[in-house]
Amino acid sequence: MRFPEDVDADVQARLRRLEGQIRGLQRMLDEGAECKDVVTQLAACKGALDRIGYRLFSAGMRYCVISDESDMTADELERLFLKVS
């Protein structure tokens, strides 16, 4: 089962923003930015990636597991969640 179009669109937009943040981080390093600024940007990138993972996991639970179209067990679901947390 694929994710619904609204989930795909949301995740694609988030990934594009994250891509821009990472390019900004690379630029900061190239330009010799202050350590605290680089670390702050890195934390923002990590947070954005975490939110993307949670969005996909949440959608996966809603559309893949709850819909009875999946044969995932509770243990498999737990392992999947632990991968993104």
PDB file of N, CA and C in Angstrom:
ATOM      1  N   MET A   1       0.843  -1.185   0.000  1.00  0.00           N
ATOM      2  CA  MET A   1       0.000   0.000   0.000  1.00  0.00           C
ATOM      3  C   MET A   1       0.884   1.244   0.000  1.00  0.00           C
ATOM      4  N   ARG A   2       0.512   2.200  -0.773  1.00  0.00           N
ATOM      5  CA  ARG A   2       1.235   3.472  -0.853  1.00  0.00           C
ATOM      6  C   ARG A   2       0.617   4.464   0.122  1.00  0.00           C
ATOM      7  N   PHE A   3       1.386   5.487   0.449  1.00  0.00           N
ATOM      8  CA  PHE A   3       0.841   6.566   1.268  1.00  0.00           C
ATOM      9  C   PHE A   3      -0.132   7.379   0.428  1.00  0.00           C
ATOM     10  N   PRO A   4      -1.139   7.956   1.057  1.00  0.00           N
ATOM     11  CA  PRO A   4      -2.065   8.835   0.329  1.00  0.00           C
ATOM     12  C   PRO A   4      -1.332  10.061  -0.231  1.00  0.00           C
ATOM     13  N   GLU A   5      -1.919  10.662  -1.242  1.00  0.00           N
ATOM     14  CA  GLU A   5      -1.287  11.806  -1.915  1.00  0.00           C
ATOM     15  C   GLU A   5      -0.985  12.962  -0.971  1.00  0.00           C
ATOM     16  N   ASP A   6      -1.877  13.226  -0.004  1.00  0.00           N
ATOM     17  CA  ASP A   6      -1.621  14.351   0.901  1.00  0.00           C
ATOM     18  C   ASP A   6      -0.401  14.093   1.778  1.00  0.00           C
ATOM     19  N   VAL A   7      -0.188  12.843   2.165  1.00  0.00           N
ATOM     20  CA  VAL A   7       0.996  12.499   2.961  1.00  0.00           C
ATOM     21  C   VAL A   7       2.242  12.635   2.091  1.00  0.00           C
ATOM     22  N   ASP A   8       2.195  12.091   0.878  1.00  0.00           N
ATOM     23  CA  ASP A   8       3.330  12.220  -0.037  1.00  0.00           C
ATOM     24  C   ASP A   8       3.695  13.686  -0.262  1.00  0.00           C
ATOM     25  N   ALA A   9       2.695  14.507  -0.527  1.00  0.00           N
ATOM     26  CA  ALA A   9       2.941  15.924  -0.799  1.00  0.00           C
ATOM     27  C   ALA A   9       3.559  16.616   0.414  1.00  0.00           C
ATOM     28  N   ASP A  10       3.039  16.322   1.597  1.00  0.00           N
ATOM     29  CA  ASP A  10       3.564  16.925   2.819  1.00  0.00           C
ATOM     30  C   ASP A  10       5.017  16.508   3.055  1.00  0.00           C
ATOM     31  N   VAL A  11       5.289  15.227   2.909  1.00  0.00           N
ATOM     32  CA  VAL A  11       6.650  14.733   3.143  1.00  0.00           C
ATOM     33  C   VAL A  11       7.610  15.273   2.088  1.00  0.00           C
ATOM     34  N   GLN A  12       7.175  15.327   0.833  1.00  0.00           N
ATOM     35  CA  GLN A  12       8.033  15.883  -0.213  1.00  0.00           C
ATOM     36  C   GLN A  12       8.384  17.345   0.085  1.00  0.00           C
ATOM     37  N   ALA A  13       7.409  18.120   0.530  1.00  0.00           N
ATOM     38  CA  ALA A  13       7.661  19.525   0.872  1.00  0.00           C
ATOM     39  C   ALA A  13       8.638  19.627   2.035  1.00  0.00           C
ATOM     40  N   ARG A  14       8.451  18.785   3.033  1.00  0.00           N
ATOM     41  CA  ARG A  14       9.362  18.788   4.185  1.00  0.00           C
ATOM     42  C   ARG A  14      10.775  18.405   3.764  1.00  0.00           C
ATOM     43  N   LEU A  15      10.891  17.418   2.884  1.00  0.00           N
ATOM     44  CA  LEU A  15      12.210  17.000   2.411  1.00  0.00           C
ATOM     45  C   LEU A  15      12.897  18.097   1.607  1.00  0.00           C
ATOM     46  N   ARG A  16      12.133  18.828   0.801  1.00  0.00           N
ATOM     47  CA  ARG A  16      12.720  19.942   0.053  1.00  0.00           C
ATOM     48  C   ARG A  16      13.229  21.034   1.002  1.00  0.00           C
ATOM     49  N   ARG A  17      12.445  21.329   2.050  1.00  0.00           N
ATOM     50  CA  ARG A  17      12.904  22.320   3.039  1.00  0.00           C
ATOM     51  C   ARG A  17      14.165  21.827   3.731  1.00  0.00           C
ATOM     52  N   LEU A  18      14.177  20.558   4.095  1.00  0.00           N
ATOM     53  CA  LEU A  18      15.347  19.986   4.760  1.00  0.00           C
ATOM     54  C   LEU A  18      16.567  20.034   3.853  1.00  0.00           C
ATOM     55  N   GLU A  19      16.345  19.755   2.579  1.00  0.00           N
ATOM     56  CA  GLU A  19      17.443  19.830   1.615  1.00  0.00           C
ATOM     57  C   GLU A  19      18.047  21.234   1.602  1.00  0.00           C
ATOM     58  N   GLY A  20      17.191  22.245   1.644  1.00  0.00           N
ATOM     59  CA  GLY A  20      17.671  23.629   1.698  1.00  0.00           C
ATOM     60  C   GLY A  20      18.421  23.913   2.988  1.00  0.00           C
ATOM     61  N   GLN A  21      17.925  23.376   4.089  1.00  0.00           N
ATOM     62  CA  GLN A  21      18.609  23.564   5.373  1.00  0.00           C
ATOM     63  C   GLN A  21      19.995  22.929   5.342  1.00  0.00           C
ATOM     64  N   ILE A  22      20.100  21.758   4.748  1.00  0.00           N
ATOM     65  CA  ILE A  22      21.392  21.071   4.693  1.00  0.00           C
ATOM     66  C   ILE A  22      22.354  21.826   3.782  1.00  0.00           C
ATOM     67  N   ARG A  23      21.852  22.338   2.677  1.00  0.00           N
ATOM     68  CA  ARG A  23      22.712  23.164   1.824  1.00  0.00           C
ATOM     69  C   ARG A  23      23.195  24.400   2.583  1.00  0.00           C
ATOM     70  N   GLY A  24      22.293  24.974   3.373  1.00  0.00           N
ATOM     71  CA  GLY A  24      22.684  26.115   4.199  1.00  0.00           C
ATOM     72  C   GLY A  24      23.756  25.740   5.201  1.00  0.00           C
ATOM     73  N   LEU A  25      23.640  24.564   5.765  1.00  0.00           N
ATOM     74  CA  LEU A  25      24.639  24.073   6.711  1.00  0.00           C
ATOM     75  C   LEU A  25      25.994  23.900   6.013  1.00  0.00           C
ATOM     76  N   GLN A  26      25.980  23.333   4.815  1.00  0.00           N
ATOM     77  CA  GLN A  26      27.223  23.190   4.055  1.00  0.00           C
ATOM     78  C   GLN A  26      27.847  24.550   3.759  1.00  0.00           C
ATOM     79  N   ARG A  27      26.996  25.502   3.386  1.00  0.00           N
ATOM     80  CA  ARG A  27      27.476  26.853   3.087  1.00  0.00           C
ATOM     81  C   ARG A  27      28.089  27.488   4.340  1.00  0.00           C
ATOM     82  N   MET A  28      27.438  27.270   5.482  1.00  0.00           N
ATOM     83  CA  MET A  28      27.966  27.818   6.733  1.00  0.00           C
ATOM     84  C   MET A  28      29.364  27.275   7.015  1.00  0.00           C
ATOM     85  N   LEU A  29      29.554  25.987   6.790  1.00  0.00           N
ATOM     86  CA  LEU A  29      30.872  25.392   7.013  1.00  0.00           C
ATOM     87  C   LEU A  29      31.890  25.943   6.032  1.00  0.00           C
ATOM     88  N   ASP A  30      31.486  26.059   4.769  1.00  0.00           N
ATOM     89  CA  ASP A  30      32.396  26.603   3.743  1.00  0.00           C
ATOM     90  C   ASP A  30      32.824  28.021   4.083  1.00  0.00           C
ATOM     91  N   GLU A  31      31.917  28.779   4.669  1.00  0.00           N
ATOM     92  CA  GLU A  31      32.189  30.183   4.978  1.00  0.00           C
ATOM     93  C   GLU A  31      32.792  30.385   6.360  1.00  0.00           C
ATOM     94  N   GLY A  32      33.014  29.309   7.096  1.00  0.00           N
ATOM     95  CA  GLY A  32      33.643  29.417   8.403  1.00  0.00           C
ATOM     96  C   GLY A  32      32.746  30.020   9.475  1.00  0.00           C
ATOM     97  N   ALA A  33      31.477  29.650   9.475  1.00  0.00           N
ATOM     98  CA  ALA A  33      30.521  30.189  10.453  1.00  0.00           C
ATOM     99  C   ALA A  33      30.912  29.772  11.869  1.00  0.00           C
ATOM    100  N   GLU A  34      30.389  30.505  12.819  1.00  0.00           N
ATOM    101  CA  GLU A  34      30.639  30.219  14.223  1.00  0.00           C
ATOM    102  C   GLU A  34      30.121  28.829  14.591  1.00  0.00           C
ATOM    103  N   CYS A  35      30.843  28.169  15.470  1.00  0.00           N
ATOM    104  CA  CYS A  35      30.500  26.813  15.897  1.00  0.00           C
ATOM    105  C   CYS A  35      29.068  26.730  16.420  1.00  0.00           C
ATOM    106  N   LYS A  36      28.679  27.675  17.272  1.00  0.00           N
ATOM    107  CA  LYS A  36      27.334  27.624  17.862  1.00  0.00           C
ATOM    108  C   LYS A  36      26.254  27.753  16.796  1.00  0.00           C
ATOM    109  N   ASP A  37      26.515  28.530  15.753  1.00  0.00           N
ATOM    110  CA  ASP A  37      25.543  28.686  14.674  1.00  0.00           C
ATOM    111  C   ASP A  37      25.429  27.401  13.844  1.00  0.00           C
ATOM    112  N   VAL A  38      26.570  26.755  13.603  1.00  0.00           N
ATOM    113  CA  VAL A  38      26.571  25.500  12.853  1.00  0.00           C
ATOM    114  C   VAL A  38      25.829  24.420  13.629  1.00  0.00           C
ATOM    115  N   VAL A  39      26.116  24.322  14.924  1.00  0.00           N
ATOM    116  CA  VAL A  39      25.461  23.308  15.747  1.00  0.00           C
ATOM    117  C   VAL A  39      23.966  23.578  15.838  1.00  0.00           C
ATOM    118  N   THR A  40      23.580  24.828  15.948  1.00  0.00           N
ATOM    119  CA  THR A  40      22.154  25.183  15.988  1.00  0.00           C
ATOM    120  C   THR A  40      21.466  24.759  14.695  1.00  0.00           C
ATOM    121  N   GLN A  41      22.092  25.021  13.562  1.00  0.00           N
ATOM    122  CA  GLN A  41      21.519  24.621  12.268  1.00  0.00           C
ATOM    123  C   GLN A  41      21.463  23.105  12.149  1.00  0.00           C
ATOM    124  N   LEU A  42      22.489  22.428  12.622  1.00  0.00           N
ATOM    125  CA  LEU A  42      22.517  20.971  12.589  1.00  0.00           C
ATOM    126  C   LEU A  42      21.374  20.393  13.420  1.00  0.00           C
ATOM    127  N   ALA A  43      21.129  20.981  14.581  1.00  0.00           N
ATOM    128  CA  ALA A  43      20.016  20.537  15.424  1.00  0.00           C
ATOM    129  C   ALA A  43      18.677  20.759  14.728  1.00  0.00           C
ATOM    130  N   ALA A  44      18.556  21.866  14.015  1.00  0.00           N
ATOM    131  CA  ALA A  44      17.321  22.130  13.267  1.00  0.00           C
ATOM    132  C   ALA A  44      17.123  21.088  12.170  1.00  0.00           C
ATOM    133  N   CYS A  45      18.197  20.710  11.493  1.00  0.00           N
ATOM    134  CA  CYS A  45      18.109  19.676  10.450  1.00  0.00           C
ATOM    135  C   CYS A  45      17.705  18.337  11.055  1.00  0.00           C
ATOM    136  N   LYS A  46      18.303  17.998  12.159  1.00  0.00           N
ATOM    137  CA  LYS A  46      17.965  16.737  12.821  1.00  0.00           C
ATOM    138  C   LYS A  46      16.501  16.731  13.249  1.00  0.00           C
ATOM    139  N   GLY A  47      16.041  17.829  13.807  1.00  0.00           N
ATOM    140  CA  GLY A  47      14.646  17.931  14.226  1.00  0.00           C
ATOM    141  C   GLY A  47      13.694  17.798  13.044  1.00  0.00           C
ATOM    142  N   ALA A  48      14.050  18.419  11.929  1.00  0.00           N
ATOM    143  CA  ALA A  48      13.206  18.331  10.731  1.00  0.00           C
ATOM    144  C   ALA A  48      13.152  16.897  10.216  1.00  0.00           C
ATOM    145  N   LEU A  49      14.287  16.209  10.214  1.00  0.00           N
ATOM    146  CA  LEU A  49      14.308  14.820   9.756  1.00  0.00           C
ATOM    147  C   LEU A  49      13.494  13.930  10.696  1.00  0.00           C
ATOM    148  N   ASP A  50      13.605  14.174  11.998  1.00  0.00           N
ATOM    149  CA  ASP A  50      12.804  13.417  12.967  1.00  0.00           C
ATOM    150  C   ASP A  50      11.314  13.618  12.712  1.00  0.00           C
ATOM    151  N   ARG A  51      10.904  14.859  12.465  1.00  0.00           N
ATOM    152  CA  ARG A  51       9.489  15.132  12.222  1.00  0.00           C
ATOM    153  C   ARG A  51       8.997  14.451  10.939  1.00  0.00           C
ATOM    154  N   ILE A  52       9.848  14.362   9.938  1.00  0.00           N
ATOM    155  CA  ILE A  52       9.486  13.644   8.718  1.00  0.00           C
ATOM    156  C   ILE A  52       9.268  12.164   9.032  1.00  0.00           C
ATOM    157  N   GLY A  53      10.162  11.598   9.805  1.00  0.00           N
ATOM    158  CA  GLY A  53      10.020  10.193  10.188  1.00  0.00           C
ATOM    159  C   GLY A  53       8.752   9.942  10.973  1.00  0.00           C
ATOM    160  N   TYR A  54       8.450  10.818  11.920  1.00  0.00           N
ATOM    161  CA  TYR A  54       7.226  10.663  12.711  1.00  0.00           C
ATOM    162  C   TYR A  54       5.980  10.833  11.844  1.00  0.00           C
ATOM    163  N   ARG A  55       6.047  11.730  10.875  1.00  0.00           N
ATOM    164  CA  ARG A  55       4.908  11.934   9.980  1.00  0.00           C
ATOM    165  C   ARG A  55       4.632  10.662   9.177  1.00  0.00           C
ATOM    166  N   LEU A  56       5.703  10.069   8.665  1.00  0.00           N
ATOM    167  CA  LEU A  56       5.541   8.841   7.895  1.00  0.00           C
ATOM    168  C   LEU A  56       5.073   7.683   8.776  1.00  0.00           C
ATOM    169  N   PHE A  57       5.626   7.596   9.965  1.00  0.00           N
ATOM    170  CA  PHE A  57       5.209   6.526  10.867  1.00  0.00           C
ATOM    171  C   PHE A  57       3.748   6.685  11.241  1.00  0.00           C
ATOM    172  N   SER A  58       3.357   7.899  11.570  1.00  0.00           N
ATOM    173  CA  SER A  58       1.971   8.169  11.931  1.00  0.00           C
ATOM    174  C   SER A  58       1.033   7.814  10.783  1.00  0.00           C
ATOM    175  N   ALA A  59       1.389   8.236   9.578  1.00  0.00           N
ATOM    176  CA  ALA A  59       0.567   7.918   8.409  1.00  0.00           C
ATOM    177  C   ALA A  59       0.556   6.415   8.167  1.00  0.00           C
ATOM    178  N   GLY A  60       1.681   5.778   8.383  1.00  0.00           N
ATOM    179  CA  GLY A  60       1.746   4.332   8.222  1.00  0.00           C
ATOM    180  C   GLY A  60       0.810   3.624   9.179  1.00  0.00           C
ATOM    181  N   MET A  61       0.770   4.091  10.411  1.00  0.00           N
ATOM    182  CA  MET A  61      -0.160   3.493  11.380  1.00  0.00           C
ATOM    183  C   MET A  61      -1.596   3.723  10.935  1.00  0.00           C
ATOM    184  N   ARG A  62      -1.887   4.909  10.502  1.00  0.00           N
ATOM    185  CA  ARG A  62      -3.262   5.253  10.137  1.00  0.00           C
ATOM    186  C   ARG A  62      -3.717   4.514   8.887  1.00  0.00           C
ATOM    187  N   TYR A  63      -2.883   4.510   7.862  1.00  0.00           N
ATOM    188  CA  TYR A  63      -3.327   4.005   6.573  1.00  0.00           C
ATOM    189  C   TYR A  63      -2.929   2.554   6.300  1.00  0.00           C
ATOM    190  N   CYS A  64      -1.858   2.096   6.907  1.00  0.00           N
ATOM    191  CA  CYS A  64      -1.378   0.753   6.596  1.00  0.00           C
ATOM    192  C   CYS A  64      -1.780  -0.278   7.649  1.00  0.00           C
ATOM    193  N   VAL A  65      -1.716   0.089   8.901  1.00  0.00           N
ATOM    194  CA  VAL A  65      -1.988  -0.872   9.954  1.00  0.00           C
ATOM    195  C   VAL A  65      -3.461  -0.891  10.324  1.00  0.00           C
ATOM    196  N   ILE A  66      -4.025   0.260  10.592  1.00  0.00           N
ATOM    197  CA  ILE A  66      -5.418   0.334  11.047  1.00  0.00           C
ATOM    198  C   ILE A  66      -6.378  -0.105   9.946  1.00  0.00           C
ATOM    199  N   SER A  67      -5.997   0.065   8.700  1.00  0.00           N
ATOM    200  CA  SER A  67      -6.903  -0.252   7.594  1.00  0.00           C
ATOM    201  C   SER A  67      -7.042  -1.749   7.339  1.00  0.00           C
ATOM    202  N   ASP A  68      -6.363  -2.563   8.101  1.00  0.00           N
ATOM    203  CA  ASP A  68      -6.402  -4.021   7.930  1.00  0.00           C
ATOM    204  C   ASP A  68      -5.824  -4.483   6.600  1.00  0.00           C
ATOM    205  N   GLU A  69      -5.141  -3.611   5.899  1.00  0.00           N
ATOM    206  CA  GLU A  69      -4.510  -4.019   4.643  1.00  0.00           C
ATOM    207  C   GLU A  69      -3.076  -4.475   4.874  1.00  0.00           C
ATOM    208  N   SER A  70      -2.663  -4.505   6.124  1.00  0.00           N
ATOM    209  CA  SER A  70      -1.306  -4.890   6.456  1.00  0.00           C
ATOM    210  C   SER A  70      -1.333  -6.133   7.338  1.00  0.00           C
ATOM    211  N   ASP A  71      -0.306  -6.925   7.217  1.00  0.00           N
ATOM    212  CA  ASP A  71      -0.197  -8.097   8.071  1.00  0.00           C
ATOM    213  C   ASP A  71       0.872  -7.900   9.146  1.00  0.00           C
ATOM    214  N   MET A  72       1.167  -6.628   9.487  1.00  0.00           N
ATOM    215  CA  MET A  72       2.178  -6.331  10.502  1.00  0.00           C
ATOM    216  C   MET A  72       1.696  -6.761  11.880  1.00  0.00           C
ATOM    217  N   THR A  73       2.615  -7.363  12.628  1.00  0.00           N
ATOM    218  CA  THR A  73       2.312  -7.728  14.007  1.00  0.00           C
ATOM    219  C   THR A  73       2.641  -6.549  14.910  1.00  0.00           C
ATOM    220  N   ALA A  74       2.207  -6.628  16.151  1.00  0.00           N
ATOM    221  CA  ALA A  74       2.513  -5.576  17.120  1.00  0.00           C
ATOM    222  C   ALA A  74       4.021  -5.454  17.321  1.00  0.00           C
ATOM    223  N   ASP A  75       4.740  -6.571  17.315  1.00  0.00           N
ATOM    224  CA  ASP A  75       6.197  -6.529  17.474  1.00  0.00           C
ATOM    225  C   ASP A  75       6.865  -5.835  16.289  1.00  0.00           C
ATOM    226  N   GLU A  76       6.393  -6.096  15.084  1.00  0.00           N
ATOM    227  CA  GLU A  76       6.952  -5.442  13.904  1.00  0.00           C
ATOM    228  C   GLU A  76       6.680  -3.937  13.941  1.00  0.00           C
ATOM    229  N   LEU A  77       5.496  -3.577  14.381  1.00  0.00           N
ATOM    230  CA  LEU A  77       5.146  -2.168  14.500  1.00  0.00           C
ATOM    231  C   LEU A  77       6.038  -1.472  15.525  1.00  0.00           C
ATOM    232  N   GLU A  78       6.284  -2.137  16.628  1.00  0.00           N
ATOM    233  CA  GLU A  78       7.161  -1.565  17.654  1.00  0.00           C
ATOM    234  C   GLU A  78       8.576  -1.378  17.118  1.00  0.00           C
ATOM    235  N   ARG A  79       9.107  -2.368  16.419  1.00  0.00           N
ATOM    236  CA  ARG A  79      10.448  -2.254  15.845  1.00  0.00           C
ATOM    237  C   ARG A  79      10.518  -1.114  14.835  1.00  0.00           C
ATOM    238  N   LEU A  80       9.465  -0.960  14.044  1.00  0.00           N
ATOM    239  CA  LEU A  80       9.412   0.133  13.086  1.00  0.00           C
ATOM    240  C   LEU A  80       9.440   1.480  13.793  1.00  0.00           C
ATOM    241  N   PHE A  81       8.661   1.616  14.856  1.00  0.00           N
ATOM    242  CA  PHE A  81       8.643   2.868  15.615  1.00  0.00           C
ATOM    243  C   PHE A  81      10.015   3.164  16.207  1.00  0.00           C
ATOM    244  N   LEU A  82      10.678   2.138  16.736  1.00  0.00           N
ATOM    245  CA  LEU A  82      11.986   2.351  17.361  1.00  0.00           C
ATOM    246  C   LEU A  82      13.036   2.785  16.345  1.00  0.00           C
ATOM    247  N   LYS A  83      12.829   2.451  15.082  1.00  0.00           N
ATOM    248  CA  LYS A  83      13.758   2.898  14.048  1.00  0.00           C
ATOM    249  C   LYS A  83      13.702   4.416  13.858  1.00  0.00           C
ATOM    250  N   VAL A  84      12.544   5.014  14.054  1.00  0.00           N
ATOM    251  CA  VAL A  84      12.436   6.459  13.831  1.00  0.00           C
ATOM    252  C   VAL A  84      12.532   7.261  15.115  1.00  0.00           C
ATOM    253  N   SER A  85      12.547   6.600  16.235  1.00  0.00           N
ATOM    254  CA  SER A  85      12.619   7.361  17.495  1.00  0.00           C
ATOM    255  C   SER A  85      14.030   7.385  18.039  1.00  0.00           C
TER     256      SER A  85
END
